[in-house]
Amino acid sequence: MSDDDSNLVRALRWVMDLDPATVIEDVRKKRAAHPDEDDRRLAQRFIESCARKGGAEGFLSGLVTNPIVMFGTAVGDVAFVLRLYAHLTAVVGFLANPNYFDDPDWKDDALLMLAGPKAVSRLMREAGVQLGKQGSKQIIRKYLSKSVLVALKKFVLKWFGKRVTQRMIITKVMPVVGGVIGGSWNYVEIRIVGTRIIAYHFDGQLGSE
């Protein structure tokens, strides 16, 4: 394993290191700030907040053009966004189900959201499970084997490396403009994935996009 691969593995471990107590406290604060809103609307507020944070992070990291620190900055940016996805998955899961953290496999949901419905559908199909056009949360969780989880982790790690390379190229070729592109990219993507997370937890569907 190369040093770059080791950095990605460590970053992915950080992404998945979620603390239920922190999630519960974040939800408590949001509910206190918006007592008249239902849980689905609160979930949307979390997504909007994370999209803004991800956009700001993407803009700042896109301004770094020093090749010596560019890789570390790109890894940090992509890891930050993935961390937002994982945190959102746990937050929305708890909003949709107060007993969410009683499930010992709750962290698997974050991995599913990181991989996305197309990758999950393909890997489940390879394991002999057909999800149909709309992947059902119930079916996915029922047939989510260890082999599929291992494959999901490998997929996410590969995607991670590819995204880091893309960020580095954009920043190097288009300094400053790369910050705008990176920020916009993060903002839009987080909103899209956030919508997927809400559908997964509140409607029981992973979707097909």
N, C-alpha and C. Protein backbone atom coordinates (compact mmCIF):
# COMPACT_ATOMS: atom_id res chain seq x y z
N MET A 1 0.84 -1.20 0.00
CA MET A 1 0.00 0.00 0.00
C MET A 1 0.88 1.25 0.00
N SER A 2 0.61 2.18 -0.90
CA SER A 2 1.39 3.41 -0.99
C SER A 2 1.02 4.36 0.14
N ASP A 3 1.87 5.39 0.33
CA ASP A 3 1.58 6.39 1.36
C ASP A 3 0.27 7.10 1.07
N ASP A 4 0.02 7.37 -0.23
CA ASP A 4 -1.22 8.05 -0.60
C ASP A 4 -2.43 7.20 -0.23
N ASP A 5 -2.33 5.88 -0.51
CA ASP A 5 -3.43 4.98 -0.17
C ASP A 5 -3.65 4.94 1.34
N SER A 6 -2.54 4.93 2.09
CA SER A 6 -2.65 4.91 3.54
C SER A 6 -3.35 6.16 4.06
N ASN A 7 -3.03 7.30 3.46
CA ASN A 7 -3.69 8.54 3.85
C ASN A 7 -5.19 8.48 3.60
N LEU A 8 -5.57 7.88 2.48
CA LEU A 8 -6.99 7.77 2.14
C LEU A 8 -7.70 6.83 3.11
N VAL A 9 -7.05 5.74 3.46
CA VAL A 9 -7.64 4.79 4.40
C VAL A 9 -7.86 5.45 5.76
N ARG A 10 -6.85 6.18 6.23
CA ARG A 10 -6.98 6.87 7.52
C ARG A 10 -8.10 7.91 7.47
N ALA A 11 -8.18 8.62 6.35
CA ALA A 11 -9.23 9.63 6.21
C ALA A 11 -10.61 8.99 6.21
N LEU A 12 -10.74 7.84 5.55
CA LEU A 12 -12.04 7.16 5.49
C LEU A 12 -12.44 6.65 6.87
N ARG A 13 -11.47 6.19 7.65
CA ARG A 13 -11.77 5.76 9.02
C ARG A 13 -12.29 6.93 9.84
N TRP A 14 -11.69 8.09 9.65
CA TRP A 14 -12.16 9.28 10.35
C TRP A 14 -13.59 9.63 9.94
N VAL A 15 -13.85 9.51 8.64
CA VAL A 15 -15.19 9.79 8.11
C VAL A 15 -16.24 8.93 8.81
N MET A 16 -15.93 7.66 9.02
CA MET A 16 -16.89 6.71 9.57
C MET A 16 -16.92 6.67 11.09
N ASP A 17 -16.06 7.43 11.74
CA ASP A 17 -15.98 7.43 13.20
C ASP A 17 -17.05 8.38 13.77
N LEU A 18 -18.28 7.89 13.82
CA LEU A 18 -19.42 8.71 14.22
C LEU A 18 -19.78 8.47 15.69
N ASP A 19 -20.15 9.53 16.38
CA ASP A 19 -20.50 9.47 17.79
C ASP A 19 -22.00 9.73 17.98
N PRO A 20 -22.77 8.73 18.40
CA PRO A 20 -24.21 8.92 18.59
C PRO A 20 -24.55 10.08 19.53
N ALA A 21 -23.77 10.25 20.59
CA ALA A 21 -24.05 11.31 21.55
C ALA A 21 -23.98 12.68 20.89
N THR A 22 -23.01 12.87 20.00
CA THR A 22 -22.87 14.13 19.28
C THR A 22 -24.06 14.36 18.36
N VAL A 23 -24.46 13.30 17.68
CA VAL A 23 -25.61 13.38 16.77
C VAL A 23 -26.87 13.76 17.54
N ILE A 24 -27.11 13.09 18.64
CA ILE A 24 -28.31 13.35 19.45
C ILE A 24 -28.32 14.79 19.97
N GLU A 25 -27.17 15.28 20.38
CA GLU A 25 -27.07 16.65 20.87
C GLU A 25 -27.33 17.65 19.75
N ASP A 26 -26.83 17.37 18.55
CA ASP A 26 -27.07 18.26 17.40
C ASP A 26 -28.57 18.33 17.09
N VAL A 27 -29.23 17.19 17.15
CA VAL A 27 -30.67 17.15 16.89
C VAL A 27 -31.43 17.92 17.97
N ARG A 28 -31.00 17.75 19.22
CA ARG A 28 -31.67 18.44 20.32
C ARG A 28 -31.60 19.96 20.13
N LYS A 29 -30.43 20.46 19.75
CA LYS A 29 -30.26 21.89 19.54
C LYS A 29 -31.11 22.39 18.38
N LYS A 30 -31.18 21.60 17.32
CA LYS A 30 -31.97 22.02 16.15
C LYS A 30 -33.45 22.05 16.50
N ARG A 31 -33.90 21.07 17.25
CA ARG A 31 -35.31 21.04 17.65
C ARG A 31 -35.64 22.22 18.56
N ALA A 32 -34.70 22.55 19.45
CA ALA A 32 -34.92 23.68 20.36
C ALA A 32 -34.99 25.00 19.60
N ALA A 33 -34.21 25.10 18.53
CA ALA A 33 -34.19 26.33 17.73
C ALA A 33 -35.41 26.44 16.82
N HIS A 34 -36.02 25.29 16.46
CA HIS A 34 -37.18 25.29 15.55
C HIS A 34 -38.25 24.34 16.10
N PRO A 35 -38.86 24.70 17.24
CA PRO A 35 -39.80 23.79 17.92
C PRO A 35 -41.09 23.50 17.15
N ASP A 36 -41.44 24.33 16.19
CA ASP A 36 -42.70 24.15 15.47
C ASP A 36 -42.55 23.34 14.18
N GLU A 37 -41.34 22.91 13.86
CA GLU A 37 -41.11 22.20 12.61
C GLU A 37 -41.06 20.69 12.83
N ASP A 38 -41.56 19.95 11.84
CA ASP A 38 -41.55 18.49 11.98
C ASP A 38 -40.15 17.95 11.68
N ASP A 39 -39.97 16.66 11.92
CA ASP A 39 -38.65 16.06 11.81
C ASP A 39 -38.10 16.09 10.38
N ARG A 40 -38.97 15.95 9.40
CA ARG A 40 -38.50 15.97 8.01
C ARG A 40 -37.97 17.36 7.64
N ARG A 41 -38.64 18.39 8.10
CA ARG A 41 -38.17 19.75 7.82
C ARG A 41 -36.86 20.03 8.55
N LEU A 42 -36.72 19.49 9.76
CA LEU A 42 -35.47 19.65 10.49
C LEU A 42 -34.33 18.95 9.74
N ALA A 43 -34.64 17.79 9.17
CA ALA A 43 -33.63 17.07 8.37
C ALA A 43 -33.17 17.94 7.21
N GLN A 44 -34.13 18.61 6.56
CA GLN A 44 -33.80 19.49 5.44
C GLN A 44 -32.92 20.64 5.91
N ARG A 45 -33.17 21.15 7.09
CA ARG A 45 -32.34 22.23 7.63
C ARG A 45 -30.89 21.77 7.84
N PHE A 46 -30.73 20.55 8.32
CA PHE A 46 -29.39 20.00 8.49
C PHE A 46 -28.67 19.92 7.14
N ILE A 47 -29.39 19.51 6.13
CA ILE A 47 -28.79 19.39 4.80
C ILE A 47 -28.38 20.75 4.27
N GLU A 48 -29.23 21.73 4.43
CA GLU A 48 -28.91 23.08 3.96
C GLU A 48 -27.67 23.63 4.67
N SER A 49 -27.59 23.37 5.98
CA SER A 49 -26.44 23.84 6.76
C SER A 49 -25.15 23.15 6.31
N CYS A 50 -25.22 21.83 6.10
CA CYS A 50 -24.05 21.09 5.66
C CYS A 50 -23.62 21.48 4.25
N ALA A 51 -24.58 21.77 3.39
CA ALA A 51 -24.26 22.20 2.03
C ALA A 51 -23.47 23.50 2.05
N ARG A 52 -23.86 24.42 2.93
CA ARG A 52 -23.13 25.69 3.05
C ARG A 52 -21.72 25.46 3.59
N LYS A 53 -21.60 24.59 4.59
CA LYS A 53 -20.28 24.29 5.14
C LYS A 53 -19.39 23.62 4.09
N GLY A 54 -19.95 22.67 3.37
CA GLY A 54 -19.19 21.98 2.33
C GLY A 54 -18.78 22.92 1.21
N GLY A 55 -19.67 23.86 0.86
CA GLY A 55 -19.35 24.84 -0.18
C GLY A 55 -18.20 25.73 0.24
N ALA A 56 -18.22 26.18 1.48
CA ALA A 56 -17.16 27.05 1.99
C ALA A 56 -15.82 26.30 2.03
N GLU A 57 -15.86 25.04 2.48
CA GLU A 57 -14.64 24.23 2.53
C GLU A 57 -14.07 24.01 1.13
N GLY A 58 -14.96 23.72 0.18
CA GLY A 58 -14.51 23.48 -1.19
C GLY A 58 -13.89 24.71 -1.81
N PHE A 59 -14.45 25.87 -1.51
CA PHE A 59 -13.90 27.12 -2.04
C PHE A 59 -12.51 27.38 -1.48
N LEU A 60 -12.35 27.26 -0.18
CA LEU A 60 -11.06 27.54 0.45
C LEU A 60 -9.98 26.56 0.01
N SER A 61 -10.32 25.28 -0.05
CA SER A 61 -9.32 24.28 -0.45
C SER A 61 -8.95 24.43 -1.92
N GLY A 62 -9.88 24.96 -2.72
CA GLY A 62 -9.62 25.14 -4.14
C GLY A 62 -8.67 26.30 -4.43
N LEU A 63 -8.40 27.11 -3.42
CA LEU A 63 -7.48 28.24 -3.60
C LEU A 63 -6.03 27.84 -3.42
N VAL A 64 -5.80 26.64 -2.87
CA VAL A 64 -4.44 26.18 -2.61
C VAL A 64 -3.81 25.65 -3.89
N THR A 65 -2.72 26.26 -4.33
CA THR A 65 -2.07 25.85 -5.57
C THR A 65 -0.66 25.32 -5.36
N ASN A 66 -0.18 25.32 -4.13
CA ASN A 66 1.16 24.80 -3.84
C ASN A 66 1.16 23.29 -4.01
N PRO A 67 1.93 22.74 -4.96
CA PRO A 67 1.91 21.30 -5.21
C PRO A 67 2.36 20.46 -4.04
N ILE A 68 3.12 21.05 -3.11
CA ILE A 68 3.62 20.31 -1.96
C ILE A 68 2.49 19.96 -1.00
N VAL A 69 1.54 20.85 -0.86
CA VAL A 69 0.44 20.63 0.08
C VAL A 69 -0.88 20.33 -0.61
N MET A 70 -0.87 20.32 -1.93
CA MET A 70 -2.12 20.18 -2.68
C MET A 70 -2.82 18.85 -2.41
N PHE A 71 -2.04 17.76 -2.36
CA PHE A 71 -2.67 16.45 -2.14
C PHE A 71 -3.36 16.40 -0.79
N GLY A 72 -2.64 16.84 0.26
CA GLY A 72 -3.22 16.82 1.60
C GLY A 72 -4.47 17.67 1.69
N THR A 73 -4.45 18.82 1.00
CA THR A 73 -5.61 19.71 1.02
C THR A 73 -6.80 19.07 0.31
N ALA A 74 -6.52 18.42 -0.83
CA ALA A 74 -7.59 17.76 -1.58
C ALA A 74 -8.18 16.60 -0.77
N VAL A 75 -7.32 15.82 -0.11
CA VAL A 75 -7.81 14.73 0.73
C VAL A 75 -8.68 15.29 1.86
N GLY A 76 -8.20 16.37 2.47
CA GLY A 76 -8.97 16.98 3.56
C GLY A 76 -10.33 17.46 3.12
N ASP A 77 -10.39 18.06 1.92
CA ASP A 77 -11.67 18.57 1.43
C ASP A 77 -12.65 17.45 1.15
N VAL A 78 -12.20 16.42 0.43
CA VAL A 78 -13.09 15.32 0.10
C VAL A 78 -13.51 14.57 1.37
N ALA A 79 -12.56 14.37 2.29
CA ALA A 79 -12.90 13.70 3.55
C ALA A 79 -13.91 14.52 4.34
N PHE A 80 -13.77 15.83 4.32
CA PHE A 80 -14.71 16.71 5.03
C PHE A 80 -16.12 16.52 4.48
N VAL A 81 -16.24 16.47 3.16
CA VAL A 81 -17.56 16.29 2.54
C VAL A 81 -18.13 14.92 2.89
N LEU A 82 -17.30 13.88 2.81
CA LEU A 82 -17.77 12.55 3.15
C LEU A 82 -18.19 12.47 4.61
N ARG A 83 -17.48 13.18 5.46
CA ARG A 83 -17.83 13.23 6.88
C ARG A 83 -19.20 13.88 7.06
N LEU A 84 -19.47 14.91 6.27
CA LEU A 84 -20.79 15.54 6.32
C LEU A 84 -21.87 14.56 5.89
N TYR A 85 -21.59 13.76 4.85
CA TYR A 85 -22.56 12.75 4.41
C TYR A 85 -22.85 11.75 5.53
N ALA A 86 -21.77 11.26 6.16
CA ALA A 86 -21.93 10.26 7.21
C ALA A 86 -22.70 10.83 8.40
N HIS A 87 -22.35 12.05 8.77
CA HIS A 87 -23.03 12.70 9.89
C HIS A 87 -24.51 12.93 9.56
N LEU A 88 -24.78 13.38 8.34
CA LEU A 88 -26.16 13.59 7.92
C LEU A 88 -26.95 12.30 7.94
N THR A 89 -26.32 11.21 7.51
CA THR A 89 -27.00 9.92 7.52
C THR A 89 -27.43 9.54 8.93
N ALA A 90 -26.54 9.77 9.90
CA ALA A 90 -26.87 9.45 11.29
C ALA A 90 -27.91 10.40 11.86
N VAL A 91 -27.77 11.69 11.55
CA VAL A 91 -28.72 12.69 12.04
C VAL A 91 -30.13 12.41 11.53
N VAL A 92 -30.24 12.22 10.23
CA VAL A 92 -31.56 11.98 9.63
C VAL A 92 -32.11 10.64 10.10
N GLY A 93 -31.24 9.65 10.26
CA GLY A 93 -31.68 8.35 10.77
C GLY A 93 -32.31 8.49 12.15
N PHE A 94 -31.69 9.30 13.00
CA PHE A 94 -32.21 9.51 14.36
C PHE A 94 -33.49 10.33 14.34
N LEU A 95 -33.57 11.31 13.44
CA LEU A 95 -34.80 12.10 13.31
C LEU A 95 -35.97 11.22 12.87
N ALA A 96 -35.69 10.29 11.97
CA ALA A 96 -36.75 9.41 11.46
C ALA A 96 -37.12 8.31 12.44
N ASN A 97 -36.16 7.94 13.30
CA ASN A 97 -36.38 6.83 14.23
C ASN A 97 -35.62 7.10 15.53
N PRO A 98 -36.30 7.43 16.62
CA PRO A 98 -35.63 7.72 17.90
C PRO A 98 -34.80 6.56 18.43
N ASN A 99 -35.08 5.34 17.96
CA ASN A 99 -34.34 4.16 18.39
C ASN A 99 -33.26 3.75 17.39
N TYR A 100 -32.90 4.67 16.53
CA TYR A 100 -31.98 4.37 15.43
C TYR A 100 -30.67 3.75 15.92
N PHE A 101 -30.11 4.29 16.98
CA PHE A 101 -28.80 3.83 17.44
C PHE A 101 -28.86 2.53 18.24
N ASP A 102 -30.05 1.99 18.44
CA ASP A 102 -30.18 0.68 19.06
C ASP A 102 -29.76 -0.43 18.10
N ASP A 103 -29.79 -0.13 16.82
CA ASP A 103 -29.38 -1.09 15.80
C ASP A 103 -27.85 -1.13 15.77
N PRO A 104 -27.23 -2.27 16.05
CA PRO A 104 -25.76 -2.34 16.07
C PRO A 104 -25.12 -2.08 14.71
N ASP A 105 -25.90 -2.19 13.64
CA ASP A 105 -25.36 -2.00 12.28
C ASP A 105 -25.73 -0.63 11.69
N TRP A 106 -26.06 0.33 12.54
CA TRP A 106 -26.51 1.63 12.02
C TRP A 106 -25.45 2.33 11.17
N LYS A 107 -24.17 2.09 11.43
CA LYS A 107 -23.13 2.75 10.65
C LYS A 107 -23.09 2.27 9.19
N ASP A 108 -23.66 1.11 8.93
CA ASP A 108 -23.69 0.61 7.56
C ASP A 108 -24.45 1.56 6.64
N ASP A 109 -25.43 2.26 7.19
CA ASP A 109 -26.20 3.20 6.38
C ASP A 109 -25.32 4.29 5.79
N ALA A 110 -24.35 4.76 6.57
CA ALA A 110 -23.45 5.81 6.08
C ALA A 110 -22.65 5.30 4.90
N LEU A 111 -22.21 4.05 4.95
CA LEU A 111 -21.45 3.47 3.85
C LEU A 111 -22.32 3.36 2.59
N LEU A 112 -23.59 3.02 2.77
CA LEU A 112 -24.52 2.93 1.65
C LEU A 112 -24.71 4.30 0.99
N MET A 113 -24.83 5.33 1.82
CA MET A 113 -25.02 6.67 1.29
C MET A 113 -23.76 7.17 0.59
N LEU A 114 -22.59 6.83 1.10
CA LEU A 114 -21.34 7.23 0.48
C LEU A 114 -21.18 6.58 -0.90
N ALA A 115 -21.56 5.31 -0.99
CA ALA A 115 -21.40 4.59 -2.26
C ALA A 115 -22.43 5.04 -3.29
N GLY A 116 -23.66 5.31 -2.86
CA GLY A 116 -24.69 5.73 -3.79
C GLY A 116 -25.49 4.56 -4.32
N PRO A 117 -26.71 4.80 -4.81
CA PRO A 117 -27.62 3.73 -5.21
C PRO A 117 -27.14 2.87 -6.36
N LYS A 118 -26.45 3.46 -7.34
CA LYS A 118 -26.00 2.66 -8.48
C LYS A 118 -24.98 1.62 -8.05
N ALA A 119 -24.00 2.05 -7.23
CA ALA A 119 -22.98 1.12 -6.76
C ALA A 119 -23.60 0.05 -5.86
N VAL A 120 -24.50 0.46 -4.97
CA VAL A 120 -25.14 -0.48 -4.07
C VAL A 120 -25.94 -1.51 -4.85
N SER A 121 -26.70 -1.03 -5.84
CA SER A 121 -27.51 -1.93 -6.66
C SER A 121 -26.64 -2.95 -7.38
N ARG A 122 -25.51 -2.48 -7.94
CA ARG A 122 -24.63 -3.39 -8.68
C ARG A 122 -24.01 -4.44 -7.75
N LEU A 123 -23.53 -4.00 -6.60
CA LEU A 123 -22.89 -4.93 -5.67
C LEU A 123 -23.88 -5.92 -5.07
N MET A 124 -25.09 -5.46 -4.82
CA MET A 124 -26.12 -6.37 -4.31
C MET A 124 -26.51 -7.37 -5.39
N ARG A 125 -26.58 -6.89 -6.63
CA ARG A 125 -26.92 -7.79 -7.74
C ARG A 125 -25.86 -8.88 -7.90
N GLU A 126 -24.59 -8.49 -7.74
CA GLU A 126 -23.50 -9.46 -7.82
C GLU A 126 -23.60 -10.49 -6.70
N ALA A 127 -24.23 -10.08 -5.59
CA ALA A 127 -24.42 -11.00 -4.46
C ALA A 127 -25.72 -11.80 -4.60
N GLY A 128 -26.44 -11.60 -5.71
CA GLY A 128 -27.65 -12.37 -5.98
C GLY A 128 -28.93 -11.73 -5.49
N VAL A 129 -28.89 -10.43 -5.17
CA VAL A 129 -30.08 -9.73 -4.67
C VAL A 129 -30.49 -8.65 -5.67
N GLN A 130 -31.72 -8.72 -6.15
CA GLN A 130 -32.24 -7.73 -7.08
C GLN A 130 -33.05 -6.69 -6.31
N LEU A 131 -32.65 -5.43 -6.43
CA LEU A 131 -33.32 -4.37 -5.67
C LEU A 131 -34.48 -3.73 -6.42
N GLY A 132 -34.52 -3.87 -7.74
CA GLY A 132 -35.56 -3.20 -8.51
C GLY A 132 -35.19 -1.76 -8.78
N LYS A 133 -36.11 -0.99 -9.36
CA LYS A 133 -35.84 0.40 -9.72
C LYS A 133 -35.62 1.27 -8.49
N GLN A 134 -36.33 1.00 -7.42
CA GLN A 134 -36.17 1.75 -6.17
C GLN A 134 -35.70 0.80 -5.09
N GLY A 135 -34.44 0.93 -4.69
CA GLY A 135 -33.89 0.03 -3.69
C GLY A 135 -34.57 0.21 -2.34
N SER A 136 -35.19 -0.82 -1.84
CA SER A 136 -35.89 -0.75 -0.55
C SER A 136 -34.88 -0.85 0.59
N LYS A 137 -35.00 0.06 1.55
CA LYS A 137 -34.12 0.03 2.72
C LYS A 137 -34.25 -1.29 3.45
N GLN A 138 -35.46 -1.79 3.57
CA GLN A 138 -35.69 -3.04 4.29
C GLN A 138 -34.97 -4.21 3.63
N ILE A 139 -35.05 -4.27 2.30
CA ILE A 139 -34.41 -5.37 1.58
C ILE A 139 -32.89 -5.24 1.66
N ILE A 140 -32.39 -4.01 1.48
CA ILE A 140 -30.95 -3.78 1.51
C ILE A 140 -30.37 -4.21 2.86
N ARG A 141 -30.99 -3.76 3.94
CA ARG A 141 -30.47 -4.08 5.27
C ARG A 141 -30.59 -5.58 5.57
N LYS A 142 -31.62 -6.22 5.02
CA LYS A 142 -31.83 -7.65 5.26
C LYS A 142 -30.75 -8.50 4.60
N TYR A 143 -30.34 -8.09 3.38
CA TYR A 143 -29.40 -8.91 2.62
C TYR A 143 -28.00 -8.30 2.53
N LEU A 144 -27.71 -7.31 3.38
CA LEU A 144 -26.41 -6.67 3.35
C LEU A 144 -25.38 -7.58 4.04
N SER A 145 -24.68 -8.36 3.24
CA SER A 145 -23.73 -9.33 3.78
C SER A 145 -22.37 -8.69 4.03
N LYS A 146 -21.50 -9.43 4.72
CA LYS A 146 -20.16 -8.95 4.99
C LYS A 146 -19.38 -8.75 3.70
N SER A 147 -19.59 -9.63 2.74
CA SER A 147 -18.88 -9.53 1.47
C SER A 147 -19.29 -8.27 0.71
N VAL A 148 -20.57 -7.92 0.79
CA VAL A 148 -21.05 -6.70 0.14
C VAL A 148 -20.48 -5.47 0.85
N LEU A 149 -20.40 -5.51 2.16
CA LEU A 149 -19.83 -4.39 2.92
C LEU A 149 -18.36 -4.19 2.57
N VAL A 150 -17.63 -5.27 2.44
CA VAL A 150 -16.22 -5.18 2.05
C VAL A 150 -16.10 -4.56 0.67
N ALA A 151 -16.96 -4.99 -0.24
CA ALA A 151 -16.94 -4.45 -1.60
C ALA A 151 -17.32 -2.97 -1.60
N LEU A 152 -18.27 -2.59 -0.74
CA LEU A 152 -18.68 -1.19 -0.64
C LEU A 152 -17.52 -0.32 -0.15
N LYS A 153 -16.79 -0.81 0.84
CA LYS A 153 -15.66 -0.05 1.37
C LYS A 153 -14.59 0.14 0.30
N LYS A 154 -14.33 -0.90 -0.48
CA LYS A 154 -13.35 -0.80 -1.56
C LYS A 154 -13.81 0.20 -2.61
N PHE A 155 -15.11 0.17 -2.92
CA PHE A 155 -15.66 1.11 -3.91
C PHE A 155 -15.51 2.54 -3.44
N VAL A 156 -15.89 2.79 -2.18
CA VAL A 156 -15.81 4.15 -1.64
C VAL A 156 -14.37 4.64 -1.61
N LEU A 157 -13.44 3.76 -1.25
CA LEU A 157 -12.03 4.14 -1.19
C LEU A 157 -11.52 4.49 -2.60
N LYS A 158 -11.92 3.71 -3.59
CA LYS A 158 -11.52 3.99 -4.97
C LYS A 158 -12.12 5.31 -5.44
N TRP A 159 -13.39 5.53 -5.13
CA TRP A 159 -14.05 6.79 -5.48
C TRP A 159 -13.37 7.96 -4.80
N PHE A 160 -12.98 7.76 -3.56
CA PHE A 160 -12.29 8.77 -2.77
C PHE A 160 -11.02 9.23 -3.50
N GLY A 161 -10.19 8.25 -3.90
CA GLY A 161 -8.96 8.58 -4.60
C GLY A 161 -9.20 9.29 -5.91
N LYS A 162 -10.22 8.87 -6.64
CA LYS A 162 -10.54 9.50 -7.91
C LYS A 162 -10.98 10.94 -7.71
N ARG A 163 -11.80 11.18 -6.70
CA ARG A 163 -12.28 12.54 -6.43
C ARG A 163 -11.13 13.45 -5.99
N VAL A 164 -10.21 12.94 -5.20
CA VAL A 164 -9.04 13.73 -4.78
C VAL A 164 -8.23 14.15 -6.01
N THR A 165 -8.02 13.22 -6.93
CA THR A 165 -7.27 13.54 -8.15
C THR A 165 -7.98 14.61 -8.97
N GLN A 166 -9.29 14.49 -9.09
CA GLN A 166 -10.07 15.50 -9.83
C GLN A 166 -9.91 16.88 -9.21
N ARG A 167 -9.97 16.94 -7.89
CA ARG A 167 -9.85 18.23 -7.21
C ARG A 167 -8.47 18.85 -7.44
N MET A 168 -7.45 18.01 -7.40
CA MET A 168 -6.09 18.50 -7.61
C MET A 168 -5.90 19.05 -9.02
N ILE A 169 -6.46 18.37 -10.00
CA ILE A 169 -6.32 18.80 -11.40
C ILE A 169 -7.03 20.13 -11.62
N ILE A 170 -8.25 20.24 -11.09
CA ILE A 170 -9.01 21.48 -11.26
C ILE A 170 -8.28 22.66 -10.62
N THR A 171 -7.76 22.45 -9.42
CA THR A 171 -7.07 23.52 -8.70
C THR A 171 -5.78 23.93 -9.41
N LYS A 172 -5.06 22.94 -9.91
CA LYS A 172 -3.78 23.22 -10.57
C LYS A 172 -3.97 23.94 -11.89
N VAL A 173 -4.96 23.52 -12.67
CA VAL A 173 -5.19 24.08 -14.00
C VAL A 173 -5.87 25.45 -13.92
N MET A 174 -6.77 25.61 -12.93
CA MET A 174 -7.53 26.86 -12.83
C MET A 174 -7.46 27.43 -11.42
N PRO A 175 -6.33 28.01 -11.03
CA PRO A 175 -6.22 28.61 -9.70
C PRO A 175 -7.32 29.65 -9.47
N VAL A 176 -7.77 29.79 -8.25
CA VAL A 176 -8.84 30.68 -7.82
C VAL A 176 -10.19 30.22 -8.38
N VAL A 177 -10.27 30.08 -9.70
CA VAL A 177 -11.51 29.58 -10.29
C VAL A 177 -11.81 28.18 -9.74
N GLY A 178 -10.73 27.44 -9.46
CA GLY A 178 -10.90 26.11 -8.88
C GLY A 178 -11.62 26.16 -7.55
N GLY A 179 -11.41 27.26 -6.80
CA GLY A 179 -12.11 27.42 -5.54
C GLY A 179 -13.60 27.57 -5.73
N VAL A 180 -13.97 28.35 -6.74
CA VAL A 180 -15.39 28.54 -7.05
C VAL A 180 -16.02 27.23 -7.50
N ILE A 181 -15.30 26.52 -8.37
CA ILE A 181 -15.82 25.24 -8.87
C ILE A 181 -15.95 24.24 -7.73
N GLY A 182 -14.90 24.15 -6.89
CA GLY A 182 -14.93 23.21 -5.78
C GLY A 182 -16.04 23.51 -4.79
N GLY A 183 -16.24 24.80 -4.49
CA GLY A 183 -17.29 25.18 -3.57
C GLY A 183 -18.68 24.87 -4.11
N SER A 184 -18.88 25.20 -5.39
CA SER A 184 -20.19 24.94 -6.02
C SER A 184 -20.45 23.45 -6.13
N TRP A 185 -19.41 22.72 -6.46
CA TRP A 185 -19.49 21.27 -6.59
C TRP A 185 -19.95 20.65 -5.27
N ASN A 186 -19.29 21.03 -4.19
CA ASN A 186 -19.65 20.49 -2.87
C ASN A 186 -21.08 20.85 -2.50
N TYR A 187 -21.45 22.10 -2.71
CA TYR A 187 -22.77 22.58 -2.31
C TYR A 187 -23.88 21.80 -3.01
N VAL A 188 -23.76 21.68 -4.32
CA VAL A 188 -24.80 20.98 -5.10
C VAL A 188 -24.84 19.50 -4.74
N GLU A 189 -23.66 18.88 -4.65
CA GLU A 189 -23.60 17.45 -4.38
C GLU A 189 -24.18 17.10 -3.01
N ILE A 190 -23.88 17.91 -2.01
CA ILE A 190 -24.39 17.64 -0.66
C ILE A 190 -25.92 17.73 -0.63
N ARG A 191 -26.48 18.67 -1.36
CA ARG A 191 -27.94 18.78 -1.41
C ARG A 191 -28.56 17.56 -2.09
N ILE A 192 -27.90 17.06 -3.13
CA ILE A 192 -28.40 15.88 -3.84
C ILE A 192 -28.34 14.65 -2.94
N VAL A 193 -27.19 14.45 -2.32
CA VAL A 193 -27.03 13.29 -1.43
C VAL A 193 -27.95 13.44 -0.21
N GLY A 194 -28.13 14.65 0.27
CA GLY A 194 -29.02 14.88 1.40
C GLY A 194 -30.45 14.46 1.09
N THR A 195 -30.91 14.77 -0.11
CA THR A 195 -32.25 14.36 -0.54
C THR A 195 -32.36 12.84 -0.56
N ARG A 196 -31.28 12.18 -0.99
CA ARG A 196 -31.23 10.72 -1.01
C ARG A 196 -31.31 10.17 0.41
N ILE A 197 -30.62 10.80 1.34
CA ILE A 197 -30.61 10.34 2.73
C ILE A 197 -32.00 10.46 3.35
N ILE A 198 -32.69 11.56 3.07
CA ILE A 198 -34.06 11.75 3.58
C ILE A 198 -34.98 10.67 3.03
N ALA A 199 -34.89 10.42 1.73
CA ALA A 199 -35.74 9.40 1.11
C ALA A 199 -35.45 8.02 1.71
N TYR A 200 -34.20 7.76 1.98
CA TYR A 200 -33.80 6.45 2.54
C TYR A 200 -34.39 6.26 3.93
N HIS A 201 -34.25 7.25 4.79
CA HIS A 201 -34.68 7.10 6.17
C HIS A 201 -36.18 7.34 6.38
N PHE A 202 -36.74 8.31 5.69
CA PHE A 202 -38.16 8.62 5.91
C PHE A 202 -39.10 7.82 5.03
N ASP A 203 -38.63 7.50 3.80
CA ASP A 203 -39.50 6.78 2.86
C ASP A 203 -39.09 5.34 2.63
N GLY A 204 -37.93 4.96 3.17
CA GLY A 204 -37.48 3.58 3.03
C GLY A 204 -37.00 3.21 1.65
N GLN A 205 -36.54 4.22 0.86
CA GLN A 205 -36.10 3.96 -0.51
C GLN A 205 -34.71 4.55 -0.73
N LEU A 206 -33.82 3.77 -1.33
CA LEU A 206 -32.49 4.27 -1.66
C LEU A 206 -32.48 5.05 -2.95
N GLY A 207 -33.43 4.74 -3.84
CA GLY A 207 -33.48 5.45 -5.11
C GLY A 207 -32.62 4.77 -6.16
N SER A 208 -32.52 5.40 -7.33
CA SER A 208 -31.79 4.79 -8.46
C SER A 208 -30.81 5.74 -9.10
N GLU A 209 -30.61 6.93 -8.53
CA GLU A 209 -29.70 7.91 -9.13
C GLU A 209 -28.49 8.12 -8.25
